C-alpha atoms as a PDB file:
ATOM      1  CA  MET A   1      -9.380  -5.227 -26.038  1.00  0.00           C
ATOM      2  CA  SER A   2      -7.142  -4.126 -23.177  1.00  0.00           C
ATOM      3  CA  ARG A   3      -6.865  -6.315 -20.119  1.00  0.00           C
ATOM      4  CA  LYS A   4      -8.006  -5.256 -16.675  1.00  0.00           C
ATOM      5  CA  ARG A   5      -5.298  -4.006 -14.336  1.00  0.00           C
ATOM      6  CA  SER A   6      -4.531  -5.907 -11.130  1.00  0.00           C
ATOM      7  CA  LEU A   7      -2.498  -4.197  -8.409  1.00  0.00           C
ATOM      8  CA  SER A   8      -1.009  -5.343  -5.131  1.00  0.00           C
ATOM      9  CA  GLY A   9       1.906  -4.556  -2.829  1.00  0.00           C
ATOM     10  CA  ILE A  10       3.906  -6.174  -0.055  1.00  0.00           C
ATOM     11  CA  LYS A  11       5.833  -4.551   2.800  1.00  0.00           C
ATOM     12  CA  PRO A  12       9.575  -5.227   3.062  1.00  0.00           C
ATOM     13  CA  THR A  13       9.672  -5.660   6.825  1.00  0.00           C
ATOM     14  CA  ALA A  14      10.994  -9.218   7.226  1.00  0.00           C
ATOM     15  CA  ASP A  15      11.739 -12.393   5.290  1.00  0.00           C
ATOM     16  CA  PRO A  16       8.672 -13.448   3.231  1.00  0.00           C
ATOM     17  CA  HIS A  17       6.887 -16.312   4.981  1.00  0.00           C
ATOM     18  CA  ILE A  18       4.531 -19.026   3.790  1.00  0.00           C
ATOM     19  CA  GLY A  19       1.496 -16.904   4.658  1.00  0.00           C
ATOM     20  CA  ASN A  20       2.793 -14.154   2.320  1.00  0.00           C
ATOM     21  CA  TYR A  21       3.490 -16.748  -0.349  1.00  0.00           C
ATOM     22  CA  LEU A  22       0.121 -18.496  -0.281  1.00  0.00           C
ATOM     23  CA  ALA A  23      -2.098 -15.449   0.271  1.00  0.00           C
ATOM     24  CA  MET A  24      -0.360 -12.860  -1.914  1.00  0.00           C
ATOM     25  CA  ILE A  25       2.801 -13.824  -3.812  1.00  0.00           C
ATOM     26  CA  ARG A  26       1.619 -16.953  -5.619  1.00  0.00           C
ATOM     27  CA  PRO A  27      -1.857 -15.584  -6.499  1.00  0.00           C
ATOM     28  CA  ALA A  28      -0.296 -12.340  -7.733  1.00  0.00           C
ATOM     29  CA  ILE A  29       2.134 -14.138 -10.015  1.00  0.00           C
ATOM     30  CA  GLU A  30      -0.663 -16.309 -11.413  1.00  0.00           C
ATOM     31  CA  LEU A  31      -2.571 -13.167 -12.412  1.00  0.00           C
ATOM     32  CA  GLN A  32       0.215 -11.957 -14.718  1.00  0.00           C
ATOM     33  CA  ASP A  33      -1.137 -14.337 -17.365  1.00  0.00           C
ATOM     34  CA  SER A  34      -4.604 -12.799 -17.484  1.00  0.00           C
ATOM     35  CA  TYR A  35      -4.260  -9.243 -16.120  1.00  0.00           C
ATOM     36  CA  ASP A  36      -2.162  -6.146 -16.630  1.00  0.00           C
ATOM     37  CA  ALA A  37      -0.248  -6.927 -13.433  1.00  0.00           C
ATOM     38  CA  PHE A  38       1.196  -4.110 -11.290  1.00  0.00           C
ATOM     39  CA  TYR A  39       3.066  -5.106  -8.110  1.00  0.00           C
ATOM     40  CA  PHE A  40       5.220  -3.010  -5.811  1.00  0.00           C
ATOM     41  CA  VAL A  41       7.499  -3.270  -2.792  1.00  0.00           C
ATOM     42  CA  ALA A  42       5.754  -1.028  -0.249  1.00  0.00           C
ATOM     43  CA  ASP A  43       8.751   0.624   1.398  1.00  0.00           C
ATOM     44  CA  TYR A  44       6.821   3.801   2.314  1.00  0.00           C
ATOM     45  CA  HIS A  45       4.386   1.609   4.247  1.00  0.00           C
ATOM     46  CA  ALA A  46       7.280  -0.180   5.927  1.00  0.00           C
ATOM     47  CA  LEU A  47       8.482   3.150   7.354  1.00  0.00           C
ATOM     48  CA  THR A  48       5.708   2.984   9.953  1.00  0.00           C
ATOM     49  CA  SER A  49       7.760   0.320  11.747  1.00  0.00           C
ATOM     50  CA  THR A  50      11.181  -0.003  10.067  1.00  0.00           C
ATOM     51  CA  HIS A  51      13.658   2.756  10.899  1.00  0.00           C
ATOM     52  CA  ASP A  52      16.828   0.932   9.861  1.00  0.00           C
ATOM     53  CA  SER A  53      18.026   2.029   6.412  1.00  0.00           C
ATOM     54  CA  ASP A  54      20.194  -1.039   5.804  1.00  0.00           C
ATOM     55  CA  ALA A  55      17.346  -3.378   6.743  1.00  0.00           C
ATOM     56  CA  MET A  56      14.963  -1.470   4.467  1.00  0.00           C
ATOM     57  CA  ARG A  57      17.244  -1.811   1.450  1.00  0.00           C
ATOM     58  CA  ARG A  58      18.011  -5.449   2.236  1.00  0.00           C
ATOM     59  CA  HIS A  59      14.374  -6.436   2.546  1.00  0.00           C
ATOM     60  CA  CYS A  60      13.445  -4.600  -0.678  1.00  0.00           C
ATOM     61  CA  TYR A  61      15.934  -6.758  -2.562  1.00  0.00           C
ATOM     62  CA  ASP A  62      14.766  -9.862  -0.667  1.00  0.00           C
ATOM     63  CA  ILE A  63      11.178  -9.284  -1.810  1.00  0.00           C
ATOM     64  CA  THR A  64      12.240  -8.618  -5.400  1.00  0.00           C
ATOM     65  CA  ALA A  65      14.332 -11.782  -5.590  1.00  0.00           C
ATOM     66  CA  THR A  66      11.484 -13.759  -4.014  1.00  0.00           C
ATOM     67  CA  PHE A  67       8.952 -12.723  -6.657  1.00  0.00           C
ATOM     68  CA  LEU A  68      11.402 -13.473  -9.445  1.00  0.00           C
ATOM     69  CA  ALA A  69      12.307 -16.851  -7.951  1.00  0.00           C
ATOM     70  CA  PHE A  70       8.657 -17.872  -7.856  1.00  0.00           C
ATOM     71  CA  GLY A  71       8.117 -16.959 -11.495  1.00  0.00           C
ATOM     72  CA  LEU A  72       7.332 -13.271 -11.815  1.00  0.00           C
ATOM     73  CA  ASP A  73       8.189 -12.162 -15.360  1.00  0.00           C
ATOM     74  CA  PRO A  74       9.237  -8.474 -15.272  1.00  0.00           C
ATOM     75  CA  GLN A  75       8.505  -8.253 -18.989  1.00  0.00           C
ATOM     76  CA  ARG A  76       4.852  -9.138 -18.468  1.00  0.00           C
ATOM     77  CA  ALA A  77       4.293  -7.650 -15.010  1.00  0.00           C
ATOM     78  CA  VAL A  78       5.325  -4.212 -13.761  1.00  0.00           C
ATOM     79  CA  PHE A  79       7.305  -4.579 -10.547  1.00  0.00           C
ATOM     80  CA  TRP A  80       8.730  -1.552  -8.746  1.00  0.00           C
ATOM     81  CA  ARG A  81       9.729   0.007  -5.445  1.00  0.00           C
ATOM     82  CA  GLN A  82       6.970   2.269  -4.106  1.00  0.00           C
ATOM     83  CA  SER A  83       9.289   5.151  -3.206  1.00  0.00           C
ATOM     84  CA  ASP A  84      10.589   5.337  -6.794  1.00  0.00           C
ATOM     85  CA  VAL A  85       7.219   6.752  -7.887  1.00  0.00           C
ATOM     86  CA  PRO A  86       6.952  10.136  -6.097  1.00  0.00           C
ATOM     87  CA  GLU A  87       3.515  10.800  -7.611  1.00  0.00           C
ATOM     88  CA  VAL A  88       2.034   8.554  -4.931  1.00  0.00           C
ATOM     89  CA  CYS A  89       2.949  11.103  -2.240  1.00  0.00           C
ATOM     90  CA  GLU A  90       1.178  13.940  -4.034  1.00  0.00           C
ATOM     91  CA  LEU A  91      -1.966  11.896  -4.529  1.00  0.00           C
ATOM     92  CA  THR A  92      -1.813  10.866  -0.869  1.00  0.00           C
ATOM     93  CA  TRP A  93      -1.966  14.549   0.133  1.00  0.00           C
ATOM     94  CA  VAL A  94      -4.872  15.208  -2.211  1.00  0.00           C
ATOM     95  CA  LEU A  95      -6.785  12.260  -0.768  1.00  0.00           C
ATOM     96  CA  SER A  96      -5.915  13.325   2.781  1.00  0.00           C
ATOM     97  CA  CYS A  97      -7.658  16.625   2.137  1.00  0.00           C
ATOM     98  CA  MET A  98     -10.772  14.753   0.995  1.00  0.00           C
ATOM     99  CA  THR A  99     -10.853  12.212   3.834  1.00  0.00           C
ATOM    100  CA  SER A 100     -12.519  12.684   7.200  1.00  0.00           C
ATOM    101  CA  MET A 101     -10.828  11.809  10.465  1.00  0.00           C
ATOM    102  CA  GLY A 102     -13.891   9.731  11.261  1.00  0.00           C
ATOM    103  CA  LEU A 103     -13.223   7.402   8.343  1.00  0.00           C
ATOM    104  CA  LEU A 104      -9.605   6.854   9.378  1.00  0.00           C
ATOM    105  CA  ASP A 105     -10.652   6.394  12.985  1.00  0.00           C
ATOM    106  CA  ARG A 106     -12.624   3.323  11.904  1.00  0.00           C
ATOM    107  CA  ALA A 107      -9.674   1.626  10.215  1.00  0.00           C
ATOM    108  CA  HIS A 108      -9.040  -1.826  11.661  1.00  0.00           C
ATOM    109  CA  ALA A 109      -5.347  -1.279  12.417  1.00  0.00           C
ATOM    110  CA  TYR A 110      -5.958   1.994  14.239  1.00  0.00           C
ATOM    111  CA  LYS A 111      -8.913   0.573  16.177  1.00  0.00           C
ATOM    112  CA  ALA A 112      -6.745  -2.347  17.260  1.00  0.00           C
ATOM    113  CA  ALA A 113      -4.039   0.086  18.412  1.00  0.00           C
ATOM    114  CA  LYS A 114      -6.610   2.020  20.435  1.00  0.00           C
ATOM    115  CA  ASP A 115      -7.888  -1.199  21.994  1.00  0.00           C
ATOM    116  CA  ARG A 116      -4.326  -1.945  23.080  1.00  0.00           C
ATOM    117  CA  GLY A 117      -4.026   1.539  24.580  1.00  0.00           C
ATOM    118  CA  GLU A 118      -1.465   2.649  21.969  1.00  0.00           C
ATOM    119  CA  ALA A 119      -3.429   5.418  20.226  1.00  0.00           C
ATOM    120  CA  GLY A 120      -1.321   8.155  21.799  1.00  0.00           C
ATOM    121  CA  SER A 121       2.021   6.572  20.972  1.00  0.00           C
ATOM    122  CA  ILE A 122       1.673   5.305  17.396  1.00  0.00           C
ATOM    123  CA  ASN A 123       3.071   7.470  14.594  1.00  0.00           C
ATOM    124  CA  HIS A 124       0.950   9.435  12.146  1.00  0.00           C
ATOM    125  CA  GLY A 125       1.902   6.993   9.391  1.00  0.00           C
ATOM    126  CA  VAL A 126      -0.075   4.241  11.106  1.00  0.00           C
ATOM    127  CA  PHE A 127      -3.143   6.464  11.406  1.00  0.00           C
ATOM    128  CA  ALA A 128      -2.883   7.719   7.804  1.00  0.00           C
ATOM    129  CA  TYR A 129      -1.923   4.304   6.408  1.00  0.00           C
ATOM    130  CA  PRO A 130      -5.265   3.818   4.576  1.00  0.00           C
ATOM    131  CA  VAL A 131      -4.785   7.076   2.653  1.00  0.00           C
ATOM    132  CA  LEU A 132      -1.398   6.042   1.280  1.00  0.00           C
ATOM    133  CA  MET A 133      -2.833   2.636   0.467  1.00  0.00           C
ATOM    134  CA  ALA A 134      -5.711   4.269  -1.394  1.00  0.00           C
ATOM    135  CA  ALA A 135      -3.220   6.384  -3.358  1.00  0.00           C
ATOM    136  CA  ASP A 136      -1.290   3.227  -4.259  1.00  0.00           C
ATOM    137  CA  ILE A 137      -4.446   1.777  -5.766  1.00  0.00           C
ATOM    138  CA  LEU A 138      -6.009   4.837  -7.380  1.00  0.00           C
ATOM    139  CA  LEU A 139      -2.816   6.223  -8.926  1.00  0.00           C
ATOM    140  CA  TYR A 140      -2.720   3.408 -11.497  1.00  0.00           C
ATOM    141  CA  ASP A 141      -6.408   3.294 -12.489  1.00  0.00           C
ATOM    142  CA  SER A 142      -6.540  -0.190 -10.953  1.00  0.00           C
ATOM    143  CA  ASP A 143      -9.504  -2.392 -11.813  1.00  0.00           C
ATOM    144  CA  VAL A 144      -9.034  -5.131  -9.224  1.00  0.00           C
ATOM    145  CA  VAL A 145      -6.994  -5.518  -6.049  1.00  0.00           C
ATOM    146  CA  PRO A 146      -6.472  -9.122  -4.868  1.00  0.00           C
ATOM    147  CA  VAL A 147      -6.852  -9.182  -1.071  1.00  0.00           C
ATOM    148  CA  GLY A 148      -7.662 -11.465   1.807  1.00  0.00           C
ATOM    149  CA  LYS A 149     -10.946 -11.030   3.639  1.00  0.00           C
ATOM    150  CA  ASP A 150      -9.240  -9.010   6.385  1.00  0.00           C
ATOM    151  CA  GLN A 151      -8.025  -6.464   3.813  1.00  0.00           C
ATOM    152  CA  VAL A 152     -11.341  -5.696   2.109  1.00  0.00           C
ATOM    153  CA  GLN A 153     -11.829  -2.606   4.278  1.00  0.00           C
ATOM    154  CA  HIS A 154      -8.834  -0.945   2.609  1.00  0.00           C
ATOM    155  CA  ILE A 155     -10.449  -1.284  -0.811  1.00  0.00           C
ATOM    156  CA  GLU A 156     -13.741   0.021   0.530  1.00  0.00           C
ATOM    157  CA  MET A 157     -11.928   3.050   1.970  1.00  0.00           C
ATOM    158  CA  ALA A 158     -10.118   3.661  -1.329  1.00  0.00           C
ATOM    159  CA  ARG A 159     -13.464   3.591  -3.124  1.00  0.00           C
ATOM    160  CA  ASP A 160     -14.908   6.021  -0.577  1.00  0.00           C
ATOM    161  CA  MET A 161     -12.046   8.473  -1.152  1.00  0.00           C
ATOM    162  CA  ALA A 162     -12.360   8.154  -4.924  1.00  0.00           C
ATOM    163  CA  GLN A 163     -16.119   8.749  -4.751  1.00  0.00           C
ATOM    164  CA  ARG A 164     -15.600  11.893  -2.669  1.00  0.00           C
ATOM    165  CA  CYS A 165     -13.200  13.237  -5.301  1.00  0.00           C
ATOM    166  CA  ASN A 166     -15.560  12.318  -8.115  1.00  0.00           C
ATOM    167  CA  HIS A 167     -18.483  13.979  -6.343  1.00  0.00           C
ATOM    168  CA  SER A 168     -16.514  17.190  -5.839  1.00  0.00           C
ATOM    169  CA  PHE A 169     -14.608  17.366  -9.118  1.00  0.00           C
ATOM    170  CA  GLY A 170     -16.565  15.298 -11.598  1.00  0.00           C
ATOM    171  CA  ASP A 171     -17.051  11.661 -12.552  1.00  0.00           C
ATOM    172  CA  GLY A 172     -13.903  10.014 -13.785  1.00  0.00           C
ATOM    173  CA  THR A 173     -11.515  12.012 -11.650  1.00  0.00           C
ATOM    174  CA  LEU A 174     -10.510   8.718 -10.072  1.00  0.00           C
ATOM    175  CA  LYS A 175     -11.362   5.180 -11.120  1.00  0.00           C
ATOM    176  CA  LEU A 176     -13.197   3.018  -8.576  1.00  0.00           C
ATOM    177  CA  PRO A 177     -11.410  -0.301  -7.954  1.00  0.00           C
ATOM    178  CA  GLU A 178     -12.950  -3.621  -6.967  1.00  0.00           C
ATOM    179  CA  ALA A 179     -11.676  -6.044  -4.344  1.00  0.00           C
ATOM    180  CA  SER A 180     -10.895  -9.530  -5.606  1.00  0.00           C
ATOM    181  CA  VAL A 181     -11.207 -11.905  -2.660  1.00  0.00           C
ATOM    182  CA  ARG A 182      -9.870 -15.392  -3.278  1.00  0.00           C
ATOM    183  CA  SER A 183     -12.205 -17.919  -1.695  1.00  0.00           C
ATOM    184  CA  ASP A 184      -9.541 -20.633  -1.910  1.00  0.00           C
ATOM    185  CA  VAL A 185      -7.060 -18.712   0.285  1.00  0.00           C
ATOM    186  CA  HIS A 186      -7.789 -19.291   3.938  1.00  0.00           C
ATOM    187  CA  THR A 187      -6.131 -17.996   7.086  1.00  0.00           C
ATOM    188  CA  ILE A 188      -2.657 -19.503   7.334  1.00  0.00           C
ATOM    189  CA  ILE A 189      -1.959 -20.871  10.799  1.00  0.00           C
ATOM    190  CA  GLY A 190       1.336 -19.970  12.446  1.00  0.00           C
ATOM    191  CA  THR A 191       3.639 -22.170  14.506  1.00  0.00           C
ATOM    192  CA  ASP A 192       1.796 -21.248  17.720  1.00  0.00           C
ATOM    193  CA  GLY A 193      -1.699 -21.966  16.396  1.00  0.00           C
ATOM    194  CA  ARG A 194      -2.620 -18.309  15.814  1.00  0.00           C
ATOM    195  CA  LYS A 195      -2.810 -16.571  12.445  1.00  0.00           C
ATOM    196  CA  MET A 196       0.647 -16.500  10.881  1.00  0.00           C
ATOM    197  CA  SER A 197       1.955 -12.963  11.325  1.00  0.00           C
ATOM    198  CA  LYS A 198       5.308 -11.228  11.610  1.00  0.00           C
ATOM    199  CA  SER A 199       3.977  -9.363  14.636  1.00  0.00           C
ATOM    200  CA  TYR A 200       3.368 -12.658  16.452  1.00  0.00           C
ATOM    201  CA  GLY A 201       6.786 -14.080  15.619  1.00  0.00           C
ATOM    202  CA  ASN A 202       5.150 -17.351  14.509  1.00  0.00           C
ATOM    203  CA  THR A 203       6.107 -17.396  10.826  1.00  0.00           C
ATOM    204  CA  ILE A 204       8.039 -19.875   8.704  1.00  0.00           C
ATOM    205  CA  PRO A 205      10.129 -18.030   6.067  1.00  0.00           C
ATOM    206  CA  VAL A 206       9.830 -19.584   2.626  1.00  0.00           C
ATOM    207  CA  PHE A 207      13.539 -19.865   1.899  1.00  0.00           C
ATOM    208  CA  LEU A 208      14.923 -21.271   5.131  1.00  0.00           C
ATOM    209  CA  PRO A 209      17.761 -23.740   4.468  1.00  0.00           C
ATOM    210  CA  PRO A 210      16.704 -27.361   5.109  1.00  0.00           C
ATOM    211  CA  LYS A 211      18.145 -27.657   8.619  1.00  0.00           C
ATOM    212  CA  LYS A 212      16.492 -24.446   9.792  1.00  0.00           C
ATOM    213  CA  LEU A 213      13.249 -25.337   8.045  1.00  0.00           C
ATOM    214  CA  ARG A 214      13.159 -28.670   9.848  1.00  0.00           C
ATOM    215  CA  LYS A 215      13.854 -26.933  13.157  1.00  0.00           C
ATOM    216  CA  ALA A 216      10.968 -24.523  12.504  1.00  0.00           C
ATOM    217  CA  CYS A 217       8.624 -27.411  11.751  1.00  0.00           C
ATOM    218  CA  MET A 218       9.706 -29.275  14.870  1.00  0.00           C
ATOM    219  CA  GLY A 219       8.970 -26.158  16.937  1.00  0.00           C
ATOM    220  CA  ILE A 220       5.274 -26.052  16.022  1.00  0.00           C
ATOM    221  CA  THR A 221       3.024 -26.093  19.077  1.00  0.00           C
ATOM    222  CA  THR A 222       0.952 -29.275  19.559  1.00  0.00           C
ATOM    223  CA  ASP A 223      -1.142 -30.726  22.377  1.00  0.00           C
ATOM    224  CA  SER A 224       0.035 -33.333  24.895  1.00  0.00           C
ATOM    225  CA  THR A 225      -1.787 -36.371  23.495  1.00  0.00           C
ATOM    226  CA  PRO A 226       0.447 -39.436  24.069  1.00  0.00           C
ATOM    227  CA  MET A 227       1.962 -41.035  20.982  1.00  0.00           C
ATOM    228  CA  GLU A 228       0.013 -44.284  21.355  1.00  0.00           C
ATOM    229  CA  GLU A 229      -3.375 -42.541  21.334  1.00  0.00           C
ATOM    230  CA  ALA A 230      -5.349 -41.549  18.228  1.00  0.00           C
ATOM    231  CA  LYS A 231      -5.197 -37.893  17.249  1.00  0.00           C
ATOM    232  CA  ASP A 232      -7.519 -35.567  15.360  1.00  0.00           C
ATOM    233  CA  PRO A 233      -5.828 -34.141  12.244  1.00  0.00           C
ATOM    234  CA  ASP A 234      -8.564 -31.539  11.853  1.00  0.00           C
ATOM    235  CA  THR A 235      -7.551 -29.768  15.065  1.00  0.00           C
ATOM    236  CA  CYS A 236      -3.781 -29.997  14.594  1.00  0.00           C
ATOM    237  CA  THR A 237      -1.664 -27.073  13.400  1.00  0.00           C
ATOM    238  CA  VAL A 238       0.880 -29.426  11.838  1.00  0.00           C
ATOM    239  CA  PHE A 239      -1.771 -31.080   9.688  1.00  0.00           C
ATOM    240  CA  ALA A 240      -3.333 -27.714   8.789  1.00  0.00           C
ATOM    241  CA  LEU A 241       0.023 -26.622   7.357  1.00  0.00           C
ATOM    242  CA  TYR A 242       0.666 -29.993   5.700  1.00  0.00           C
ATOM    243  CA  ARG A 243      -2.577 -29.684   3.744  1.00  0.00           C
ATOM    244  CA  LEU A 244      -1.190 -26.595   2.028  1.00  0.00           C
ATOM    245  CA  PHE A 245       1.659 -28.544   0.442  1.00  0.00           C
ATOM    246  CA  ALA A 246       0.273 -32.059  -0.052  1.00  0.00           C
ATOM    247  CA  ASP A 247      -2.214 -33.515  -2.525  1.00  0.00           C
ATOM    248  CA  ALA A 248      -5.427 -35.294  -1.501  1.00  0.00           C
ATOM    249  CA  PRO A 249      -3.961 -38.852  -1.335  1.00  0.00           C
ATOM    250  CA  GLN A 250      -1.034 -37.638   0.764  1.00  0.00           C
ATOM    251  CA  GLN A 251      -3.403 -35.827   3.124  1.00  0.00           C
ATOM    252  CA  ALA A 252      -5.552 -38.945   3.465  1.00  0.00           C
ATOM    253  CA  GLU A 253      -2.498 -41.072   4.231  1.00  0.00           C
ATOM    254  CA  LEU A 254      -1.293 -38.760   7.007  1.00  0.00           C
ATOM    255  CA  ALA A 255      -4.813 -38.354   8.428  1.00  0.00           C
ATOM    256  CA  ALA A 256      -5.102 -42.152   8.700  1.00  0.00           C
ATOM    257  CA  LEU A 257      -1.820 -42.298  10.613  1.00  0.00           C
ATOM    258  CA  TYR A 258      -3.131 -39.641  13.030  1.00  0.00           C
ATOM    259  CA  ARG A 259      -6.316 -41.597  13.693  1.00  0.00           C
ATOM    260  CA  GLY A 260      -4.605 -44.974  13.902  1.00  0.00           C
ATOM    261  CA  GLY A 261      -2.555 -44.202  17.008  1.00  0.00           C
ATOM    262  CA  ASN A 262       1.093 -45.072  17.703  1.00  0.00           C
ATOM    263  CA  PHE A 263       2.046 -42.051  15.643  1.00  0.00           C
ATOM    264  CA  GLY A 264       3.634 -39.047  17.310  1.00  0.00           C
ATOM    265  CA  TYR A 265       3.520 -35.388  16.454  1.00  0.00           C
ATOM    266  CA  GLY A 266       7.251 -35.543  15.780  1.00  0.00           C
ATOM    267  CA  ASN A 267       6.531 -37.954  12.932  1.00  0.00           C
ATOM    268  CA  ALA A 268       3.845 -35.634  11.568  1.00  0.00           C
ATOM    269  CA  LYS A 269       6.261 -32.715  11.695  1.00  0.00           C
ATOM    270  CA  GLN A 270       8.770 -34.724   9.652  1.00  0.00           C
ATOM    271  CA  TYR A 271       6.064 -35.260   7.008  1.00  0.00           C
ATOM    272  CA  LEU A 272       5.449 -31.511   6.982  1.00  0.00           C
ATOM    273  CA  PHE A 273       9.137 -30.674   6.688  1.00  0.00           C
ATOM    274  CA  GLU A 274       9.608 -33.025   3.744  1.00  0.00           C
ATOM    275  CA  ALA A 275       6.567 -31.652   1.920  1.00  0.00           C
ATOM    276  CA  MET A 276       7.622 -28.039   2.422  1.00  0.00           C
ATOM    277  CA  ASP A 277      11.249 -28.685   1.512  1.00  0.00           C
ATOM    278  CA  LYS A 278      10.191 -30.402  -1.711  1.00  0.00           C
ATOM    279  CA  HIS A 279       7.838 -27.529  -2.563  1.00  0.00           C
ATOM    280  CA  PHE A 280      10.272 -24.691  -1.932  1.00  0.00           C
ATOM    281  CA  SER A 281      13.620 -26.244  -2.857  1.00  0.00           C
ATOM    282  CA  PRO A 282      13.633 -25.323  -6.589  1.00  0.00           C
ATOM    283  CA  ALA A 283      12.627 -21.710  -5.923  1.00  0.00           C
ATOM    284  CA  ARG A 284      15.110 -21.522  -3.046  1.00  0.00           C
ATOM    285  CA  GLU A 285      17.982 -22.291  -5.400  1.00  0.00           C
ATOM    286  CA  ARG A 286      16.799 -19.648  -7.863  1.00  0.00           C
ATOM    287  CA  TYR A 287      16.379 -17.152  -5.035  1.00  0.00           C
ATOM    288  CA  LEU A 288      19.943 -17.593  -3.785  1.00  0.00           C
ATOM    289  CA  SER A 289      21.283 -16.981  -7.276  1.00  0.00           C
ATOM    290  CA  LEU A 290      19.071 -13.937  -7.878  1.00  0.00           C
ATOM    291  CA  ARG A 291      19.701 -12.428  -4.452  1.00  0.00           C
ATOM    292  CA  ALA A 292      23.457 -12.500  -5.037  1.00  0.00           C
ATOM    293  CA  ASP A 293      23.166  -9.929  -7.855  1.00  0.00           C
ATOM    294  CA  GLU A 294      21.742  -6.703  -6.421  1.00  0.00           C
ATOM    295  CA  THR A 295      22.673  -4.806  -9.581  1.00  0.00           C
ATOM    296  CA  ALA A 296      20.330  -6.990 -11.598  1.00  0.00           C
ATOM    297  CA  LEU A 297      17.586  -6.655  -8.968  1.00  0.00           C
ATOM    298  CA  GLU A 298      17.969  -2.877  -9.036  1.00  0.00           C
ATOM    299  CA  ALA A 299      17.627  -2.942 -12.820  1.00  0.00           C
ATOM    300  CA  VAL A 300      14.295  -4.772 -12.486  1.00  0.00           C
ATOM    301  CA  LEU A 301      13.042  -2.232  -9.945  1.00  0.00           C
ATOM    302  CA  SER A 302      14.230   0.763 -11.972  1.00  0.00           C
ATOM    303  CA  ASP A 303      12.639  -0.477 -15.176  1.00  0.00           C
ATOM    304  CA  GLY A 304       9.426  -1.201 -13.292  1.00  0.00           C
ATOM    305  CA  ALA A 305       9.423   2.295 -11.790  1.00  0.00           C
ATOM    306  CA  GLU A 306       9.712   3.886 -15.238  1.00  0.00           C
ATOM    307  CA  ARG A 307       6.788   1.847 -16.522  1.00  0.00           C
ATOM    308  CA  ALA A 308       4.740   2.544 -13.388  1.00  0.00           C
ATOM    309  CA  ARG A 309       5.385   6.291 -13.642  1.00  0.00           C
ATOM    310  CA  ALA A 310       4.282   6.242 -17.272  1.00  0.00           C
ATOM    311  CA  VAL A 311       0.853   5.228 -15.977  1.00  0.00           C
ATOM    312  CA  ALA A 312       0.887   7.282 -12.773  1.00  0.00           C
ATOM    313  CA  GLN A 313       1.787  10.647 -14.277  1.00  0.00           C
ATOM    314  CA  PRO A 314      -1.240  10.943 -16.610  1.00  0.00           C
ATOM    315  CA  VAL A 315      -3.544   9.939 -13.752  1.00  0.00           C
ATOM    316  CA  LEU A 316      -2.050  12.564 -11.453  1.00  0.00           C
ATOM    317  CA  ASP A 317      -2.169  15.164 -14.253  1.00  0.00           C
ATOM    318  CA  ARG A 318      -5.868  14.403 -14.661  1.00  0.00           C
ATOM    319  CA  VAL A 319      -6.462  14.822 -10.943  1.00  0.00           C
ATOM    320  CA  ARG A 320      -4.453  18.051 -10.756  1.00  0.00           C
ATOM    321  CA  GLN A 321      -6.374  19.562 -13.660  1.00  0.00           C
ATOM    322  CA  ARG A 322      -9.730  18.540 -12.195  1.00  0.00           C
ATOM    323  CA  ILE A 323      -9.033  19.984  -8.735  1.00  0.00           C
ATOM    324  CA  GLY A 324      -7.342  23.175  -9.968  1.00  0.00           C
ATOM    325  CA  LEU A 325      -3.686  22.613  -9.089  1.00  0.00           C
ATOM    326  CA  GLY A 326      -1.079  24.145 -11.375  1.00  0.00           C
ATOM    327  CA  ARG A 327      -1.575  26.033 -14.598  1.00  0.00           C
ATOM    328  CA  ARG A 328      -4.400  25.091 -16.918  1.00  0.00           C
ATOM    329  CA  GLY A 329      -2.900  22.975 -19.658  1.00  0.00           C
ATOM    330  CA  GLY A 330       0.291  22.415 -17.685  1.00  0.00           C
ATOM    331  CA  LEU A 331       3.570  24.306 -17.597  1.00  0.00           C
ATOM    332  CA  PRO A 332       4.875  25.949 -20.762  1.00  0.00           C
ATOM    333  CA  SER A 333       7.460  23.997 -22.725  1.00  0.00           C
END
């Protein structure tokens, strides 16, 4: 019996941070043991904001080395660069012609841009982002897409587009995916107390060298409670991050120090630094070694693209035949 296919992607727009790691990278790698795992570096998506070719290439390799360092096995999982599979662009156009402006107008990212008064200045890629994302998912006959709660709308929109195609051209034209929402992955708090996000500039990259990692931890925003007074660990950003890298006894120990008084936030930040450094140090060493060999990273991406296209091409051929594009039965040999 064939395994279900899991698909996910990550944009190469900056150094991967602990929010990326906990919410997407680690869960994705865990799924390679039980799913037909398909993961891609979403460089087409990154074009909405990254217009520096050197940075784009650099971040694509950074992401690839990161996944490998954390345990992705390119023999078990298919890992590729989005732009190496041109079929996704053709399916994006097909879906665009089946998608109403009203649906895209309700997308969270576009609504947020309108609320900020940016609707007239954002590029078309931002507005059409959900269509490309739907093509990413539907092109590979994906069964499940692991997402956070804030990303469920994208899966719902992909299903809507697939249903429109199926209604017009027959059941089975496109496979309807399901969202897989991990209940154990919560919002990761950034250094300023808001959700960790590249756009807020409040992230902690996973592979910072120890000195820079400690500096990042020491820069976390805290309140002005004097050191001698008791503190509430449940309302502290430092403790919220510490819980992600410490076991239950370690959490209880630090919580007791918070509540006991005569314990400063600087001490708590040192606890956090040590826990994070211990957690990421082995993968950091592997990452540095992997990142130094771009030829090997390119080989992983190229092999993944070939395997991804082997799945994508039959799906696109099926869609083309259903909607009437090209010759019936394909081009002559």
